Amino acid sequence: MLFKKILLEKINYTCYIKKLLSYIKYIYKCIIIEITNKIKGEFLKNEGTNTKK
């Protein structure tokens, strides 16, 4: 009975870790997209001001 309980806890733990990892990957991807958009935005702003001068 104890072994079965430990096994179930281990399965729940691995599921939890997998969910956590996929969640972290999702957040990481969103952050990278935000950063690249900001960089592109700044670059385009700079390009626009450079061509006006």
PDB file of N, CA and C in Angstrom:
ATOM      1  N   MET A   1       0.834  -1.202   0.000  1.00  0.00           N
ATOM      2  CA  MET A   1       0.000   0.000   0.000  1.00  0.00           C
ATOM      3  C   MET A   1       0.874   1.259   0.000  1.00  0.00           C
ATOM      4  N   LEU A   2       1.905   1.237   0.828  1.00  0.00           N
ATOM      5  CA  LEU A   2       2.817   2.383   0.922  1.00  0.00           C
ATOM      6  C   LEU A   2       3.519   2.607  -0.412  1.00  0.00           C
ATOM      7  N   PHE A   3       3.948   1.504  -1.036  1.00  0.00           N
ATOM      8  CA  PHE A   3       4.645   1.586  -2.322  1.00  0.00           C
ATOM      9  C   PHE A   3       3.749   2.231  -3.374  1.00  0.00           C
ATOM     10  N   LYS A   4       2.469   1.822  -3.362  1.00  0.00           N
ATOM     11  CA  LYS A   4       1.512   2.360  -4.323  1.00  0.00           C
ATOM     12  C   LYS A   4       1.351   3.868  -4.127  1.00  0.00           C
ATOM     13  N   LYS A   5       1.311   4.289  -2.864  1.00  0.00           N
ATOM     14  CA  LYS A   5       1.166   5.713  -2.542  1.00  0.00           C
ATOM     15  C   LYS A   5       2.377   6.493  -3.050  1.00  0.00           C
ATOM     16  N   ILE A   6       3.563   5.963  -2.820  1.00  0.00           N
ATOM     17  CA  ILE A   6       4.805   6.605  -3.262  1.00  0.00           C
ATOM     18  C   ILE A   6       4.814   6.710  -4.784  1.00  0.00           C
ATOM     19  N   LEU A   7       4.405   5.637  -5.452  1.00  0.00           N
ATOM     20  CA  LEU A   7       4.374   5.606  -6.910  1.00  0.00           C
ATOM     21  C   LEU A   7       3.424   6.678  -7.449  1.00  0.00           C
ATOM     22  N   LEU A   8       2.235   6.778  -6.847  1.00  0.00           N
ATOM     23  CA  LEU A   8       1.257   7.780  -7.272  1.00  0.00           C
ATOM     24  C   LEU A   8       1.797   9.188  -7.069  1.00  0.00           C
ATOM     25  N   GLU A   9       2.447   9.422  -5.930  1.00  0.00           N
ATOM     26  CA  GLU A   9       3.021  10.743  -5.656  1.00  0.00           C
ATOM     27  C   GLU A   9       4.095  11.075  -6.681  1.00  0.00           C
ATOM     28  N   LYS A  10       4.884  10.070  -7.048  1.00  0.00           N
ATOM     29  CA  LYS A  10       5.950  10.279  -8.027  1.00  0.00           C
ATOM     30  C   LYS A  10       5.357  10.645  -9.390  1.00  0.00           C
ATOM     31  N   ILE A  11       4.287   9.959  -9.783  1.00  0.00           N
ATOM     32  CA  ILE A  11       3.626  10.241 -11.061  1.00  0.00           C
ATOM     33  C   ILE A  11       3.059  11.662 -11.049  1.00  0.00           C
ATOM     34  N   ASN A  12       2.405  12.031  -9.945  1.00  0.00           N
ATOM     35  CA  ASN A  12       1.858  13.384  -9.825  1.00  0.00           C
ATOM     36  C   ASN A  12       2.969  14.418  -9.895  1.00  0.00           C
ATOM     37  N   TYR A  13       4.091  14.115  -9.264  1.00  0.00           N
ATOM     38  CA  TYR A  13       5.240  15.017  -9.230  1.00  0.00           C
ATOM     39  C   TYR A  13       5.801  15.236 -10.631  1.00  0.00           C
ATOM     40  N   THR A  14       5.952  14.144 -11.404  1.00  0.00           N
ATOM     41  CA  THR A  14       6.489  14.284 -12.765  1.00  0.00           C
ATOM     42  C   THR A  14       5.512  15.063 -13.647  1.00  0.00           C
ATOM     43  N   CYS A  15       4.219  14.828 -13.475  1.00  0.00           N
ATOM     44  CA  CYS A  15       3.216  15.575 -14.245  1.00  0.00           C
ATOM     45  C   CYS A  15       3.319  17.050 -13.910  1.00  0.00           C
ATOM     46  N   TYR A  16       3.474  17.349 -12.627  1.00  0.00           N
ATOM     47  CA  TYR A  16       3.581  18.728 -12.160  1.00  0.00           C
ATOM     48  C   TYR A  16       4.804  19.399 -12.767  1.00  0.00           C
ATOM     49  N   ILE A  17       5.929  18.693 -12.769  1.00  0.00           N
ATOM     50  CA  ILE A  17       7.169  19.239 -13.335  1.00  0.00           C
ATOM     51  C   ILE A  17       7.002  19.501 -14.831  1.00  0.00           C
ATOM     52  N   LYS A  18       6.385  18.559 -15.543  1.00  0.00           N
ATOM     53  CA  LYS A  18       6.177  18.736 -16.987  1.00  0.00           C
ATOM     54  C   LYS A  18       5.311  19.956 -17.261  1.00  0.00           C
ATOM     55  N   LYS A  19       4.239  20.125 -16.474  1.00  0.00           N
ATOM     56  CA  LYS A  19       3.360  21.286 -16.642  1.00  0.00           C
ATOM     57  C   LYS A  19       4.130  22.562 -16.355  1.00  0.00           C
ATOM     58  N   LEU A  20       4.917  22.530 -15.293  1.00  0.00           N
ATOM     59  CA  LEU A  20       5.705  23.695 -14.898  1.00  0.00           C
ATOM     60  C   LEU A  20       6.694  24.070 -15.990  1.00  0.00           C
ATOM     61  N   LEU A  21       7.364  23.075 -16.556  1.00  0.00           N
ATOM     62  CA  LEU A  21       8.345  23.325 -17.617  1.00  0.00           C
ATOM     63  C   LEU A  21       7.691  23.921 -18.855  1.00  0.00           C
ATOM     64  N   SER A  22       6.545  23.375 -19.243  1.00  0.00           N
ATOM     65  CA  SER A  22       5.871  23.903 -20.432  1.00  0.00           C
ATOM     66  C   SER A  22       5.401  25.333 -20.170  1.00  0.00           C
ATOM     67  N   TYR A  23       4.981  25.609 -18.932  1.00  0.00           N
ATOM     68  CA  TYR A  23       4.543  26.953 -18.551  1.00  0.00           C
ATOM     69  C   TYR A  23       5.715  27.924 -18.611  1.00  0.00           C
ATOM     70  N   ILE A  24       6.874  27.494 -18.097  1.00  0.00           N
ATOM     71  CA  ILE A  24       8.087  28.322 -18.121  1.00  0.00           C
ATOM     72  C   ILE A  24       8.503  28.593 -19.564  1.00  0.00           C
ATOM     73  N   LYS A  25       8.460  27.557 -20.411  1.00  0.00           N
ATOM     74  CA  LYS A  25       8.814  27.725 -21.829  1.00  0.00           C
ATOM     75  C   LYS A  25       7.902  28.755 -22.476  1.00  0.00           C
ATOM     76  N   TYR A  26       6.606  28.682 -22.162  1.00  0.00           N
ATOM     77  CA  TYR A  26       5.622  29.606 -22.733  1.00  0.00           C
ATOM     78  C   TYR A  26       5.937  31.041 -22.315  1.00  0.00           C
ATOM     79  N   ILE A  27       6.200  31.239 -21.019  1.00  0.00           N
ATOM     80  CA  ILE A  27       6.529  32.574 -20.505  1.00  0.00           C
ATOM     81  C   ILE A  27       7.805  33.076 -21.155  1.00  0.00           C
ATOM     82  N   TYR A  28       8.803  32.202 -21.247  1.00  0.00           N
ATOM     83  CA  TYR A  28      10.105  32.545 -21.825  1.00  0.00           C
ATOM     84  C   TYR A  28       9.932  33.004 -23.271  1.00  0.00           C
ATOM     85  N   LYS A  29       9.092  32.255 -24.013  1.00  0.00           N
ATOM     86  CA  LYS A  29       8.831  32.593 -25.414  1.00  0.00           C
ATOM     87  C   LYS A  29       8.175  33.968 -25.505  1.00  0.00           C
ATOM     88  N   CYS A  30       7.200  34.228 -24.639  1.00  0.00           N
ATOM     89  CA  CYS A  30       6.508  35.521 -24.631  1.00  0.00           C
ATOM     90  C   CYS A  30       7.485  36.648 -24.332  1.00  0.00           C
ATOM     91  N   ILE A  31       8.379  36.428 -23.367  1.00  0.00           N
ATOM     92  CA  ILE A  31       9.366  37.450 -22.998  1.00  0.00           C
ATOM     93  C   ILE A  31      10.286  37.729 -24.175  1.00  0.00           C
ATOM     94  N   ILE A  32      10.756  36.678 -24.843  1.00  0.00           N
ATOM     95  CA  ILE A  32      11.652  36.851 -25.995  1.00  0.00           C
ATOM     96  C   ILE A  32      10.948  37.643 -27.097  1.00  0.00           C
ATOM     97  N   ILE A  33       9.683  37.322 -27.359  1.00  0.00           N
ATOM     98  CA  ILE A  33       8.918  38.036 -28.386  1.00  0.00           C
ATOM     99  C   ILE A  33       8.788  39.511 -28.008  1.00  0.00           C
ATOM    100  N   GLU A  34       8.493  39.783 -26.726  1.00  0.00           N
ATOM    101  CA  GLU A  34       8.385  41.165 -26.248  1.00  0.00           C
ATOM    102  C   GLU A  34       9.685  41.915 -26.471  1.00  0.00           C
ATOM    103  N   ILE A  35      10.802  41.291 -26.079  1.00  0.00           N
ATOM    104  CA  ILE A  35      12.118  41.928 -26.201  1.00  0.00           C
ATOM    105  C   ILE A  35      12.449  42.205 -27.663  1.00  0.00           C
ATOM    106  N   THR A  36      12.232  41.225 -28.536  1.00  0.00           N
ATOM    107  CA  THR A  36      12.556  41.424 -29.958  1.00  0.00           C
ATOM    108  C   THR A  36      11.677  42.516 -30.556  1.00  0.00           C
ATOM    109  N   ASN A  37      10.408  42.568 -30.149  1.00  0.00           N
ATOM    110  CA  ASN A  37       9.519  43.619 -30.646  1.00  0.00           C
ATOM    111  C   ASN A  37       9.999  44.989 -30.191  1.00  0.00           C
ATOM    112  N   LYS A  38      10.454  45.074 -28.925  1.00  0.00           N
ATOM    113  CA  LYS A  38      10.958  46.348 -28.405  1.00  0.00           C
ATOM    114  C   LYS A  38      12.194  46.768 -29.175  1.00  0.00           C
ATOM    115  N   ILE A  39      13.099  45.819 -29.403  1.00  0.00           N
ATOM    116  CA  ILE A  39      14.340  46.121 -30.124  1.00  0.00           C
ATOM    117  C   ILE A  39      14.013  46.584 -31.543  1.00  0.00           C
ATOM    118  N   LYS A  40      13.103  45.861 -32.213  1.00  0.00           N
ATOM    119  CA  LYS A  40      12.696  46.240 -33.572  1.00  0.00           C
ATOM    120  C   LYS A  40      12.073  47.626 -33.565  1.00  0.00           C
ATOM    121  N   GLY A  41      11.236  47.893 -32.561  1.00  0.00           N
ATOM    122  CA  GLY A  41      10.581  49.195 -32.441  1.00  0.00           C
ATOM    123  C   GLY A  41      11.603  50.305 -32.277  1.00  0.00           C
ATOM    124  N   GLU A  42      12.575  50.098 -31.397  1.00  0.00           N
ATOM    125  CA  GLU A  42      13.626  51.095 -31.168  1.00  0.00           C
ATOM    126  C   GLU A  42      14.431  51.298 -32.442  1.00  0.00           C
ATOM    127  N   PHE A  43      14.762  50.198 -33.101  1.00  0.00           N
ATOM    128  CA  PHE A  43      15.557  50.253 -34.328  1.00  0.00           C
ATOM    129  C   PHE A  43      14.811  51.051 -35.395  1.00  0.00           C
ATOM    130  N   LEU A  44      13.513  50.762 -35.542  1.00  0.00           N
ATOM    131  CA  LEU A  44      12.704  51.468 -36.540  1.00  0.00           C
ATOM    132  C   LEU A  44      12.588  52.948 -36.192  1.00  0.00           C
ATOM    133  N   LYS A  45      12.454  53.251 -34.890  1.00  0.00           N
ATOM    134  CA  LYS A  45      12.384  54.650 -34.452  1.00  0.00           C
ATOM    135  C   LYS A  45      13.672  55.369 -34.815  1.00  0.00           C
ATOM    136  N   ASN A  46      14.797  54.725 -34.516  1.00  0.00           N
ATOM    137  CA  ASN A  46      16.107  55.311 -34.814  1.00  0.00           C
ATOM    138  C   ASN A  46      16.290  55.493 -36.313  1.00  0.00           C
ATOM    139  N   GLU A  47      15.881  54.496 -37.085  1.00  0.00           N
ATOM    140  CA  GLU A  47      15.987  54.579 -38.545  1.00  0.00           C
ATOM    141  C   GLU A  47      15.161  55.754 -39.053  1.00  0.00           C
ATOM    142  N   GLY A  48      13.969  55.910 -38.501  1.00  0.00           N
ATOM    143  CA  GLY A  48      13.076  56.996 -38.916  1.00  0.00           C
ATOM    144  C   GLY A  48      13.686  58.356 -38.621  1.00  0.00           C
ATOM    145  N   THR A  49      14.293  58.512 -37.438  1.00  0.00           N
ATOM    146  CA  THR A  49      14.881  59.806 -37.079  1.00  0.00           C
ATOM    147  C   THR A  49      16.140  60.067 -37.892  1.00  0.00           C
ATOM    148  N   ASN A  50      16.879  59.020 -38.213  1.00  0.00           N
ATOM    149  CA  ASN A  50      18.107  59.191 -38.997  1.00  0.00           C
ATOM    150  C   ASN A  50      17.800  59.643 -40.418  1.00  0.00           C
ATOM    151  N   THR A  51      16.738  59.111 -41.007  1.00  0.00           N
ATOM    152  CA  THR A  51      16.422  59.470 -42.391  1.00  0.00           C
ATOM    153  C   THR A  51      15.833  60.877 -42.467  1.00  0.00           C
ATOM    154  N   LYS A  52      15.179  61.339 -41.386  1.00  0.00           N
ATOM    155  CA  LYS A  52      14.584  62.680 -41.382  1.00  0.00           C
ATOM    156  C   LYS A  52      15.663  63.758 -41.356  1.00  0.00           C
ATOM    157  N   LYS A  53      16.780  63.480 -40.700  1.00  0.00           N
ATOM    158  CA  LYS A  53      17.851  64.487 -40.563  1.00  0.00           C
ATOM    159  C   LYS A  53      18.546  64.742 -41.825  1.00  0.00           C
TER     160      LYS A  53
END
